Amino acid sequence: MSIGASAIWGRVAIPRSHPLRRLMRERMGALGLVLVVGFVLAALLAPWIAPYDPLKLDVLHKLAPPSLAHPAGTDQLGRDTLSRLIWGARTALAISLGATGLAGLLGLALGLVAGYGPRWLDGLLVLVFDSFSSLPMILFALAVITVAGPGAATLVMVIVLVSIPGYGRLIRAQTLTLKTAEFIQAERTMGASTLRILVHHLLPNVVGPLVIVLSMDIPVVIMLEAGLSYLNLGVRPPTPSWGNILYDGYTSLRQQPALVIAAGIPLVLATIGFTFLGEGLRDALDPKLQVRPR
């Protein structure tokens, strides 16, 4: 009985060559994973761990300094800054993951079609990619927001439109390299359909680099959302957003400088966390980096 149990646990244990084990062996990757997990948990558990309602006004205690009751102080309307930062993590996570995830899926599909499809379709998609890539991101975002109006939905649409060309070109390059591989040629010879080749053979081989790029683009999206919200062109008040909190701190800098510091710390930690995690995933998933001299 004990032998059977040990055999089962031996099969369940994560092998040493597993990407997760390689990620945890890297200090930067492990630190990034810890920061990202903490960021995600704060966003998911915001209703239970936030000490106050982020929208509750308390004008009598406005711009209060950090204390035991309010560890990060209060803003110009008396709202608890720590609670708003925790709920702002949920806003940043929803926008960054939603926008990058949607852009990644669309870029993946278009890149596979461009790389494996007919040459005329490839040329047309590359022309579209180049046209969108040539647009300055900030100016394009300002133009779309001016026409459609500020808001979270508009911000997600802008990020998706700006990000698709880069992801599409990445997947297209990977697909062009793999479509002439021997195992793909063998599948064609055996009469495999195009859909089967795309889904069962090309997709698993191109999704790894895309995941790495997505993880490293998330902090860029977080900073873009915060910057546009700071300019009142992104998430609209009173919804908690790190950009809105940073703007409130800027307007009250002389009265309460701690508000700016409190608003900047989550942005720095989220950027460091996702960047380190992306670097760790690159080292863990890239086959060229797995063999190292002892």
C-alpha atoms as a PDB file:
ATOM      1  CA  MET A   1       0.000   0.000   0.000  1.00  0.00           C
ATOM      2  CA  SER A   2       2.806   2.397   0.887  1.00  0.00           C
ATOM      3  CA  ILE A   3       4.660   1.465  -2.307  1.00  0.00           C
ATOM      4  CA  GLY A   4       1.594   2.326  -4.395  1.00  0.00           C
ATOM      5  CA  ALA A   5       1.163   5.644  -2.583  1.00  0.00           C
ATOM      6  CA  SER A   6       4.788   6.577  -3.094  1.00  0.00           C
ATOM      7  CA  ALA A   7       4.534   5.694  -6.772  1.00  0.00           C
ATOM      8  CA  ILE A   8       1.484   7.915  -7.136  1.00  0.00           C
ATOM      9  CA  TRP A   9       3.193  10.824  -5.405  1.00  0.00           C
ATOM     10  CA  GLY A  10       6.248  10.276  -7.551  1.00  0.00           C
ATOM     11  CA  ARG A  11       4.120  10.733 -10.625  1.00  0.00           C
ATOM     12  CA  VAL A  12       2.384  13.800  -9.204  1.00  0.00           C
ATOM     13  CA  ALA A  13       5.631  15.535  -8.203  1.00  0.00           C
ATOM     14  CA  ILE A  14       6.768  18.270 -10.559  1.00  0.00           C
ATOM     15  CA  PRO A  15       9.835  17.096 -12.511  1.00  0.00           C
ATOM     16  CA  ARG A  16      13.034  19.099 -12.274  1.00  0.00           C
ATOM     17  CA  SER A  17      12.854  20.001 -15.965  1.00  0.00           C
ATOM     18  CA  HIS A  18       9.358  21.476 -15.632  1.00  0.00           C
ATOM     19  CA  PRO A  19       9.185  25.208 -16.566  1.00  0.00           C
ATOM     20  CA  LEU A  20       7.715  26.059 -13.151  1.00  0.00           C
ATOM     21  CA  ARG A  21      10.701  24.499 -11.372  1.00  0.00           C
ATOM     22  CA  ARG A  22      13.104  26.358 -13.630  1.00  0.00           C
ATOM     23  CA  LEU A  23      11.191  29.586 -13.012  1.00  0.00           C
ATOM     24  CA  MET A  24      11.387  29.187  -9.224  1.00  0.00           C
ATOM     25  CA  ARG A  25      15.136  28.527  -9.405  1.00  0.00           C
ATOM     26  CA  GLU A  26      15.651  31.986 -10.906  1.00  0.00           C
ATOM     27  CA  ARG A  27      15.722  34.713  -8.249  1.00  0.00           C
ATOM     28  CA  MET A  28      14.250  37.383 -10.503  1.00  0.00           C
ATOM     29  CA  GLY A  29      11.597  35.024 -11.805  1.00  0.00           C
ATOM     30  CA  ALA A  30      10.652  33.855  -8.308  1.00  0.00           C
ATOM     31  CA  LEU A  31      10.471  37.451  -7.050  1.00  0.00           C
ATOM     32  CA  GLY A  32       8.344  38.445 -10.038  1.00  0.00           C
ATOM     33  CA  LEU A  33       6.011  35.500  -9.453  1.00  0.00           C
ATOM     34  CA  VAL A  34       5.581  36.454  -5.783  1.00  0.00           C
ATOM     35  CA  LEU A  35       4.813  40.077  -6.640  1.00  0.00           C
ATOM     36  CA  VAL A  36       2.358  39.116  -9.386  1.00  0.00           C
ATOM     37  CA  VAL A  37       0.586  36.591  -7.159  1.00  0.00           C
ATOM     38  CA  GLY A  38       0.295  39.230  -4.435  1.00  0.00           C
ATOM     39  CA  PHE A  39      -1.054  41.719  -6.967  1.00  0.00           C
ATOM     40  CA  VAL A  40      -3.624  39.222  -8.253  1.00  0.00           C
ATOM     41  CA  LEU A  41      -4.703  38.192  -4.751  1.00  0.00           C
ATOM     42  CA  ALA A  42      -5.145  41.830  -3.725  1.00  0.00           C
ATOM     43  CA  ALA A  43      -7.337  42.415  -6.788  1.00  0.00           C
ATOM     44  CA  LEU A  44      -9.433  39.287  -6.286  1.00  0.00           C
ATOM     45  CA  LEU A  45      -9.855  39.704  -2.522  1.00  0.00           C
ATOM     46  CA  ALA A  46     -10.413  43.467  -2.577  1.00  0.00           C
ATOM     47  CA  PRO A  47     -13.960  43.295  -1.099  1.00  0.00           C
ATOM     48  CA  TRP A  48     -12.652  41.367   1.925  1.00  0.00           C
ATOM     49  CA  ILE A  49      -9.211  42.854   2.602  1.00  0.00           C
ATOM     50  CA  ALA A  50      -9.930  46.540   1.953  1.00  0.00           C
ATOM     51  CA  PRO A  51     -10.444  48.154   5.372  1.00  0.00           C
ATOM     52  CA  TYR A  52     -12.994  50.726   4.134  1.00  0.00           C
ATOM     53  CA  ASP A  53     -15.412  51.372   1.316  1.00  0.00           C
ATOM     54  CA  PRO A  54     -13.264  53.041  -1.382  1.00  0.00           C
ATOM     55  CA  LEU A  55     -16.121  55.429  -2.287  1.00  0.00           C
ATOM     56  CA  LYS A  56     -17.086  56.450   1.252  1.00  0.00           C
ATOM     57  CA  LEU A  57     -16.604  60.188   1.859  1.00  0.00           C
ATOM     58  CA  ASP A  58     -15.347  61.552   5.161  1.00  0.00           C
ATOM     59  CA  VAL A  59     -14.648  65.238   4.610  1.00  0.00           C
ATOM     60  CA  LEU A  60     -13.928  65.816   8.294  1.00  0.00           C
ATOM     61  CA  HIS A  61     -10.803  63.633   7.965  1.00  0.00           C
ATOM     62  CA  LYS A  62      -9.638  64.712   4.505  1.00  0.00           C
ATOM     63  CA  LEU A  63      -5.900  64.643   3.707  1.00  0.00           C
ATOM     64  CA  ALA A  64      -5.188  62.840   6.958  1.00  0.00           C
ATOM     65  CA  PRO A  65      -1.576  61.620   7.321  1.00  0.00           C
ATOM     66  CA  PRO A  66      -0.804  57.892   7.564  1.00  0.00           C
ATOM     67  CA  SER A  67      -1.983  56.416  10.856  1.00  0.00           C
ATOM     68  CA  LEU A  68      -3.179  53.145  12.358  1.00  0.00           C
ATOM     69  CA  ALA A  69      -6.725  53.908  11.223  1.00  0.00           C
ATOM     70  CA  HIS A  70      -5.603  54.893   7.726  1.00  0.00           C
ATOM     71  CA  PRO A  71      -2.174  53.342   6.969  1.00  0.00           C
ATOM     72  CA  ALA A  72      -1.846  55.275   3.674  1.00  0.00           C
ATOM     73  CA  GLY A  73      -3.748  58.375   4.767  1.00  0.00           C
ATOM     74  CA  THR A  74      -6.842  59.829   3.118  1.00  0.00           C
ATOM     75  CA  ASP A  75      -7.429  61.901  -0.015  1.00  0.00           C
ATOM     76  CA  GLN A  76      -9.003  65.327  -0.475  1.00  0.00           C
ATOM     77  CA  LEU A  77     -12.483  63.847   0.065  1.00  0.00           C
ATOM     78  CA  GLY A  78     -11.562  61.812   3.126  1.00  0.00           C
ATOM     79  CA  ARG A  79     -11.581  58.460   1.311  1.00  0.00           C
ATOM     80  CA  ASP A  80      -9.194  55.834   2.614  1.00  0.00           C
ATOM     81  CA  THR A  81      -6.196  55.692   0.275  1.00  0.00           C
ATOM     82  CA  LEU A  82      -5.229  52.096   1.066  1.00  0.00           C
ATOM     83  CA  SER A  83      -8.722  50.856   0.235  1.00  0.00           C
ATOM     84  CA  ARG A  84      -8.696  52.786  -3.032  1.00  0.00           C
ATOM     85  CA  LEU A  85      -5.280  51.363  -3.930  1.00  0.00           C
ATOM     86  CA  ILE A  86      -6.503  47.809  -3.307  1.00  0.00           C
ATOM     87  CA  TRP A  87      -9.594  48.356  -5.437  1.00  0.00           C
ATOM     88  CA  GLY A  88      -7.423  50.121  -7.995  1.00  0.00           C
ATOM     89  CA  ALA A  89      -5.452  46.885  -8.328  1.00  0.00           C
ATOM     90  CA  ARG A  90      -8.668  45.208  -9.456  1.00  0.00           C
ATOM     91  CA  THR A  91      -9.222  47.935 -12.061  1.00  0.00           C
ATOM     92  CA  ALA A  92      -5.647  47.685 -13.335  1.00  0.00           C
ATOM     93  CA  LEU A  93      -5.785  43.879 -13.442  1.00  0.00           C
ATOM     94  CA  ALA A  94      -9.114  43.776 -15.283  1.00  0.00           C
ATOM     95  CA  ILE A  95      -8.014  46.263 -17.940  1.00  0.00           C
ATOM     96  CA  SER A  96      -4.473  44.918 -18.427  1.00  0.00           C
ATOM     97  CA  LEU A  97      -5.375  41.234 -18.533  1.00  0.00           C
ATOM     98  CA  GLY A  98      -8.535  41.800 -20.554  1.00  0.00           C
ATOM     99  CA  ALA A  99      -6.861  44.024 -23.136  1.00  0.00           C
ATOM    100  CA  THR A 100      -3.653  41.994 -23.527  1.00  0.00           C
ATOM    101  CA  GLY A 101      -5.560  38.705 -23.518  1.00  0.00           C
ATOM    102  CA  LEU A 102      -7.971  39.828 -26.242  1.00  0.00           C
ATOM    103  CA  ALA A 103      -5.159  41.364 -28.290  1.00  0.00           C
ATOM    104  CA  GLY A 104      -3.108  38.177 -27.865  1.00  0.00           C
ATOM    105  CA  LEU A 105      -5.928  35.948 -29.073  1.00  0.00           C
ATOM    106  CA  LEU A 106      -6.626  38.125 -32.117  1.00  0.00           C
ATOM    107  CA  GLY A 107      -2.928  38.484 -32.897  1.00  0.00           C
ATOM    108  CA  LEU A 108      -2.480  34.723 -32.546  1.00  0.00           C
ATOM    109  CA  ALA A 109      -5.301  33.967 -34.967  1.00  0.00           C
ATOM    110  CA  LEU A 110      -4.240  36.582 -37.513  1.00  0.00           C
ATOM    111  CA  GLY A 111      -0.578  35.589 -37.260  1.00  0.00           C
ATOM    112  CA  LEU A 112      -1.354  31.919 -37.897  1.00  0.00           C
ATOM    113  CA  VAL A 113      -3.530  32.799 -40.885  1.00  0.00           C
ATOM    114  CA  ALA A 114      -0.903  35.177 -42.282  1.00  0.00           C
ATOM    115  CA  GLY A 115       1.952  32.730 -41.867  1.00  0.00           C
ATOM    116  CA  TYR A 116       0.187  29.621 -43.129  1.00  0.00           C
ATOM    117  CA  GLY A 117      -2.337  31.088 -45.557  1.00  0.00           C
ATOM    118  CA  PRO A 118      -1.906  32.137 -49.193  1.00  0.00           C
ATOM    119  CA  ARG A 119       0.640  34.793 -50.087  1.00  0.00           C
ATOM    120  CA  TRP A 120      -1.937  37.414 -51.083  1.00  0.00           C
ATOM    121  CA  LEU A 121      -3.607  37.146 -47.674  1.00  0.00           C
ATOM    122  CA  ASP A 122      -0.223  37.295 -45.964  1.00  0.00           C
ATOM    123  CA  GLY A 123       0.647  40.472 -47.850  1.00  0.00           C
ATOM    124  CA  LEU A 124      -2.693  42.066 -46.988  1.00  0.00           C
ATOM    125  CA  LEU A 125      -2.394  41.295 -43.278  1.00  0.00           C
ATOM    126  CA  VAL A 126       1.211  42.485 -43.151  1.00  0.00           C
ATOM    127  CA  LEU A 127       0.085  45.760 -44.756  1.00  0.00           C
ATOM    128  CA  VAL A 128      -2.578  46.160 -42.060  1.00  0.00           C
ATOM    129  CA  PHE A 129      -0.039  45.347 -39.329  1.00  0.00           C
ATOM    130  CA  ASP A 130       2.435  47.894 -40.678  1.00  0.00           C
ATOM    131  CA  SER A 131      -0.257  50.557 -41.003  1.00  0.00           C
ATOM    132  CA  PHE A 132      -1.323  50.246 -37.372  1.00  0.00           C
ATOM    133  CA  SER A 133       2.263  49.912 -36.126  1.00  0.00           C
ATOM    134  CA  SER A 134       3.212  53.206 -37.782  1.00  0.00           C
ATOM    135  CA  LEU A 135       0.670  55.122 -35.700  1.00  0.00           C
ATOM    136  CA  PRO A 136       2.065  56.779 -32.547  1.00  0.00           C
ATOM    137  CA  MET A 137       0.428  54.938 -29.667  1.00  0.00           C
ATOM    138  CA  ILE A 138      -0.293  57.951 -27.448  1.00  0.00           C
ATOM    139  CA  LEU A 139      -1.591  60.137 -30.286  1.00  0.00           C
ATOM    140  CA  PHE A 140      -3.744  57.290 -31.576  1.00  0.00           C
ATOM    141  CA  ALA A 141      -5.113  56.700 -28.077  1.00  0.00           C
ATOM    142  CA  LEU A 142      -5.913  60.389 -27.637  1.00  0.00           C
ATOM    143  CA  ALA A 143      -7.655  60.500 -31.023  1.00  0.00           C
ATOM    144  CA  VAL A 144      -9.829  57.452 -30.309  1.00  0.00           C
ATOM    145  CA  ILE A 145     -10.690  58.643 -26.810  1.00  0.00           C
ATOM    146  CA  THR A 146     -11.615  62.075 -28.158  1.00  0.00           C
ATOM    147  CA  VAL A 147     -14.032  60.504 -30.649  1.00  0.00           C
ATOM    148  CA  ALA A 148     -15.448  57.663 -28.511  1.00  0.00           C
ATOM    149  CA  GLY A 149     -15.214  59.377 -25.127  1.00  0.00           C
ATOM    150  CA  PRO A 150     -13.121  58.381 -22.107  1.00  0.00           C
ATOM    151  CA  GLY A 151     -13.863  55.198 -20.214  1.00  0.00           C
ATOM    152  CA  ALA A 152     -12.589  51.709 -19.482  1.00  0.00           C
ATOM    153  CA  ALA A 153     -14.165  50.197 -22.609  1.00  0.00           C
ATOM    154  CA  THR A 154     -12.554  52.794 -24.873  1.00  0.00           C
ATOM    155  CA  LEU A 155      -9.214  52.258 -23.174  1.00  0.00           C
ATOM    156  CA  VAL A 156      -9.399  48.492 -23.744  1.00  0.00           C
ATOM    157  CA  MET A 157     -10.300  49.042 -27.405  1.00  0.00           C
ATOM    158  CA  VAL A 158      -7.308  51.340 -27.900  1.00  0.00           C
ATOM    159  CA  ILE A 159      -4.895  48.885 -26.273  1.00  0.00           C
ATOM    160  CA  VAL A 160      -6.225  45.990 -28.356  1.00  0.00           C
ATOM    161  CA  LEU A 161      -5.918  47.893 -31.644  1.00  0.00           C
ATOM    162  CA  VAL A 162      -2.407  49.058 -30.816  1.00  0.00           C
ATOM    163  CA  SER A 163      -1.167  45.652 -29.592  1.00  0.00           C
ATOM    164  CA  ILE A 164      -2.547  43.307 -32.272  1.00  0.00           C
ATOM    165  CA  PRO A 165       0.055  44.166 -34.969  1.00  0.00           C
ATOM    166  CA  GLY A 166       3.015  43.295 -32.747  1.00  0.00           C
ATOM    167  CA  TYR A 167       1.536  39.980 -31.641  1.00  0.00           C
ATOM    168  CA  GLY A 168       0.423  39.158 -35.185  1.00  0.00           C
ATOM    169  CA  ARG A 169       3.892  39.748 -36.631  1.00  0.00           C
ATOM    170  CA  LEU A 170       5.470  37.632 -33.875  1.00  0.00           C
ATOM    171  CA  ILE A 171       3.163  34.665 -34.548  1.00  0.00           C
ATOM    172  CA  ARG A 172       3.531  35.103 -38.304  1.00  0.00           C
ATOM    173  CA  ALA A 173       7.318  34.880 -38.067  1.00  0.00           C
ATOM    174  CA  GLN A 174       7.094  31.749 -35.903  1.00  0.00           C
ATOM    175  CA  THR A 175       4.568  30.171 -38.268  1.00  0.00           C
ATOM    176  CA  LEU A 176       6.671  30.884 -41.366  1.00  0.00           C
ATOM    177  CA  THR A 177       9.615  29.149 -39.688  1.00  0.00           C
ATOM    178  CA  LEU A 178       7.588  26.104 -38.663  1.00  0.00           C
ATOM    179  CA  LYS A 179       5.509  25.608 -41.828  1.00  0.00           C
ATOM    180  CA  THR A 180       8.546  24.195 -43.675  1.00  0.00           C
ATOM    181  CA  ALA A 181       9.541  21.866 -40.811  1.00  0.00           C
ATOM    182  CA  GLU A 182       9.670  18.142 -41.497  1.00  0.00           C
ATOM    183  CA  PHE A 183       6.854  17.203 -39.123  1.00  0.00           C
ATOM    184  CA  ILE A 184       4.524  19.715 -40.817  1.00  0.00           C
ATOM    185  CA  GLN A 185       5.466  18.374 -44.234  1.00  0.00           C
ATOM    186  CA  ALA A 186       4.811  14.847 -42.982  1.00  0.00           C
ATOM    187  CA  GLU A 187       1.342  15.862 -41.771  1.00  0.00           C
ATOM    188  CA  ARG A 188       0.551  17.354 -45.163  1.00  0.00           C
ATOM    189  CA  THR A 189       1.719  14.179 -46.897  1.00  0.00           C
ATOM    190  CA  MET A 190      -0.561  12.122 -44.657  1.00  0.00           C
ATOM    191  CA  GLY A 191      -3.516  14.276 -45.708  1.00  0.00           C
ATOM    192  CA  ALA A 192      -4.004  16.272 -42.501  1.00  0.00           C
ATOM    193  CA  SER A 193      -6.370  19.231 -42.865  1.00  0.00           C
ATOM    194  CA  THR A 194      -5.209  22.813 -42.515  1.00  0.00           C
ATOM    195  CA  LEU A 195      -7.250  23.252 -39.344  1.00  0.00           C
ATOM    196  CA  ARG A 196      -5.638  20.202 -37.740  1.00  0.00           C
ATOM    197  CA  ILE A 197      -2.149  21.416 -38.616  1.00  0.00           C
ATOM    198  CA  LEU A 198      -2.883  24.885 -37.220  1.00  0.00           C
ATOM    199  CA  VAL A 199      -4.501  23.720 -33.985  1.00  0.00           C
ATOM    200  CA  HIS A 200      -2.585  20.544 -33.135  1.00  0.00           C
ATOM    201  CA  HIS A 201       0.898  21.312 -34.453  1.00  0.00           C
ATOM    202  CA  LEU A 202       1.530  25.007 -35.025  1.00  0.00           C
ATOM    203  CA  LEU A 203      -0.443  26.468 -32.112  1.00  0.00           C
ATOM    204  CA  PRO A 204       1.407  24.602 -29.306  1.00  0.00           C
ATOM    205  CA  ASN A 205       4.760  25.644 -30.777  1.00  0.00           C
ATOM    206  CA  VAL A 206       4.024  29.361 -31.189  1.00  0.00           C
ATOM    207  CA  VAL A 207       2.063  30.087 -28.020  1.00  0.00           C
ATOM    208  CA  GLY A 208       5.146  30.003 -25.739  1.00  0.00           C
ATOM    209  CA  PRO A 209       6.843  33.145 -27.123  1.00  0.00           C
ATOM    210  CA  LEU A 210       3.468  34.896 -27.141  1.00  0.00           C
ATOM    211  CA  VAL A 211       2.944  34.202 -23.429  1.00  0.00           C
ATOM    212  CA  ILE A 212       6.362  35.686 -22.668  1.00  0.00           C
ATOM    213  CA  VAL A 213       5.627  38.841 -24.655  1.00  0.00           C
ATOM    214  CA  LEU A 214       2.176  39.188 -23.095  1.00  0.00           C
ATOM    215  CA  SER A 215       3.566  38.955 -19.560  1.00  0.00           C
ATOM    216  CA  MET A 216       6.099  41.685 -20.337  1.00  0.00           C
ATOM    217  CA  ASP A 217       3.492  43.917 -22.006  1.00  0.00           C
ATOM    218  CA  ILE A 218       1.118  43.852 -19.033  1.00  0.00           C
ATOM    219  CA  PRO A 219       3.132  46.475 -17.057  1.00  0.00           C
ATOM    220  CA  VAL A 220       3.163  48.682 -20.166  1.00  0.00           C
ATOM    221  CA  VAL A 221      -0.634  48.476 -20.292  1.00  0.00           C
ATOM    222  CA  ILE A 222      -0.868  49.197 -16.559  1.00  0.00           C
ATOM    223  CA  MET A 223       1.267  52.312 -16.974  1.00  0.00           C
ATOM    224  CA  LEU A 224      -0.759  53.384 -20.028  1.00  0.00           C
ATOM    225  CA  GLU A 225      -4.016  52.996 -18.117  1.00  0.00           C
ATOM    226  CA  ALA A 226      -2.601  54.925 -15.162  1.00  0.00           C
ATOM    227  CA  GLY A 227      -1.264  57.686 -17.409  1.00  0.00           C
ATOM    228  CA  LEU A 228      -4.529  58.163 -19.294  1.00  0.00           C
ATOM    229  CA  SER A 229      -6.532  58.002 -16.061  1.00  0.00           C
ATOM    230  CA  TYR A 230      -4.169  60.611 -14.615  1.00  0.00           C
ATOM    231  CA  LEU A 231      -5.144  62.854 -17.539  1.00  0.00           C
ATOM    232  CA  ASN A 232      -8.833  62.034 -16.945  1.00  0.00           C
ATOM    233  CA  LEU A 233      -8.931  60.181 -20.281  1.00  0.00           C
ATOM    234  CA  GLY A 234      -9.110  56.643 -18.933  1.00  0.00           C
ATOM    235  CA  VAL A 235     -11.079  55.279 -15.995  1.00  0.00           C
ATOM    236  CA  ARG A 236     -13.493  57.933 -14.845  1.00  0.00           C
ATOM    237  CA  PRO A 237     -13.896  58.944 -11.201  1.00  0.00           C
ATOM    238  CA  PRO A 238     -15.090  57.877  -8.713  1.00  0.00           C
ATOM    239  CA  THR A 239     -13.971  54.386  -9.834  1.00  0.00           C
ATOM    240  CA  PRO A 240     -10.689  53.689  -8.014  1.00  0.00           C
ATOM    241  CA  SER A 241      -7.725  53.761 -10.382  1.00  0.00           C
ATOM    242  CA  TRP A 242      -4.038  54.151  -9.655  1.00  0.00           C
ATOM    243  CA  GLY A 243      -3.896  56.988 -12.179  1.00  0.00           C
ATOM    244  CA  ASN A 244      -6.778  58.849 -10.533  1.00  0.00           C
ATOM    245  CA  ILE A 245      -5.216  58.370  -7.102  1.00  0.00           C
ATOM    246  CA  LEU A 246      -1.900  59.667  -8.431  1.00  0.00           C
ATOM    247  CA  TYR A 247      -3.636  62.741  -9.826  1.00  0.00           C
ATOM    248  CA  ASP A 248      -5.386  63.351  -6.496  1.00  0.00           C
ATOM    249  CA  GLY A 249      -2.002  63.130  -4.805  1.00  0.00           C
ATOM    250  CA  TYR A 250      -0.486  65.593  -7.273  1.00  0.00           C
ATOM    251  CA  THR A 251      -3.239  68.162  -6.652  1.00  0.00           C
ATOM    252  CA  SER A 252      -2.728  67.791  -2.892  1.00  0.00           C
ATOM    253  CA  LEU A 253       1.057  67.510  -2.963  1.00  0.00           C
ATOM    254  CA  ARG A 254       1.732  70.424  -0.638  1.00  0.00           C
ATOM    255  CA  GLN A 255      -0.911  69.464   1.892  1.00  0.00           C
ATOM    256  CA  GLN A 256      -0.251  65.713   1.929  1.00  0.00           C
ATOM    257  CA  PRO A 257       2.831  64.436   0.001  1.00  0.00           C
ATOM    258  CA  ALA A 258       2.359  60.887   1.340  1.00  0.00           C
ATOM    259  CA  LEU A 259      -0.586  60.417  -1.042  1.00  0.00           C
ATOM    260  CA  VAL A 260       1.677  60.616  -4.112  1.00  0.00           C
ATOM    261  CA  ILE A 261       4.154  58.151  -2.605  1.00  0.00           C
ATOM    262  CA  ALA A 262       1.379  55.705  -1.716  1.00  0.00           C
ATOM    263  CA  ALA A 263      -0.043  55.919  -5.249  1.00  0.00           C
ATOM    264  CA  GLY A 264       3.349  55.376  -6.883  1.00  0.00           C
ATOM    265  CA  ILE A 265       4.410  52.298  -4.915  1.00  0.00           C
ATOM    266  CA  PRO A 266       1.843  49.878  -6.458  1.00  0.00           C
ATOM    267  CA  LEU A 267       2.760  51.034  -9.961  1.00  0.00           C
ATOM    268  CA  VAL A 268       6.442  50.391  -9.327  1.00  0.00           C
ATOM    269  CA  LEU A 269       5.847  46.982  -7.715  1.00  0.00           C
ATOM    270  CA  ALA A 270       3.464  45.835 -10.459  1.00  0.00           C
ATOM    271  CA  THR A 271       5.918  46.900 -13.159  1.00  0.00           C
ATOM    272  CA  ILE A 272       8.828  45.134 -11.457  1.00  0.00           C
ATOM    273  CA  GLY A 273       6.756  42.015 -10.799  1.00  0.00           C
ATOM    274  CA  PHE A 274       5.475  41.480 -14.329  1.00  0.00           C
ATOM    275  CA  THR A 275       8.823  42.425 -15.890  1.00  0.00           C
ATOM    276  CA  PHE A 276      10.752  39.967 -13.706  1.00  0.00           C
ATOM    277  CA  LEU A 277       8.120  37.306 -14.338  1.00  0.00           C
ATOM    278  CA  GLY A 278       8.420  37.824 -18.083  1.00  0.00           C
ATOM    279  CA  GLU A 279      12.208  37.510 -17.883  1.00  0.00           C
ATOM    280  CA  GLY A 280      11.860  34.347 -15.812  1.00  0.00           C
ATOM    281  CA  LEU A 281       9.335  32.837 -18.224  1.00  0.00           C
ATOM    282  CA  ARG A 282      11.653  33.586 -21.118  1.00  0.00           C
ATOM    283  CA  ASP A 283      14.496  31.731 -19.413  1.00  0.00           C
ATOM    284  CA  ALA A 284      12.198  28.845 -18.427  1.00  0.00           C
ATOM    285  CA  LEU A 285      10.433  28.381 -21.762  1.00  0.00           C
ATOM    286  CA  ASP A 286      13.209  29.152 -24.230  1.00  0.00           C
ATOM    287  CA  PRO A 287      14.883  25.851 -25.180  1.00  0.00           C
ATOM    288  CA  LYS A 288      18.124  27.648 -26.062  1.00  0.00           C
ATOM    289  CA  LEU A 289      18.488  28.847 -22.472  1.00  0.00           C
ATOM    290  CA  GLN A 290      17.721  25.544 -20.749  1.00  0.00           C
ATOM    291  CA  VAL A 291      21.155  23.981 -21.262  1.00  0.00           C
ATOM    292  CA  ARG A 292      23.640  25.827 -19.135  1.00  0.00           C
ATOM    293  CA  PRO A 293      27.248  25.025 -18.259  1.00  0.00           C
ATOM    294  CA  ARG A 294      27.780  23.656 -14.789  1.00  0.00           C
END
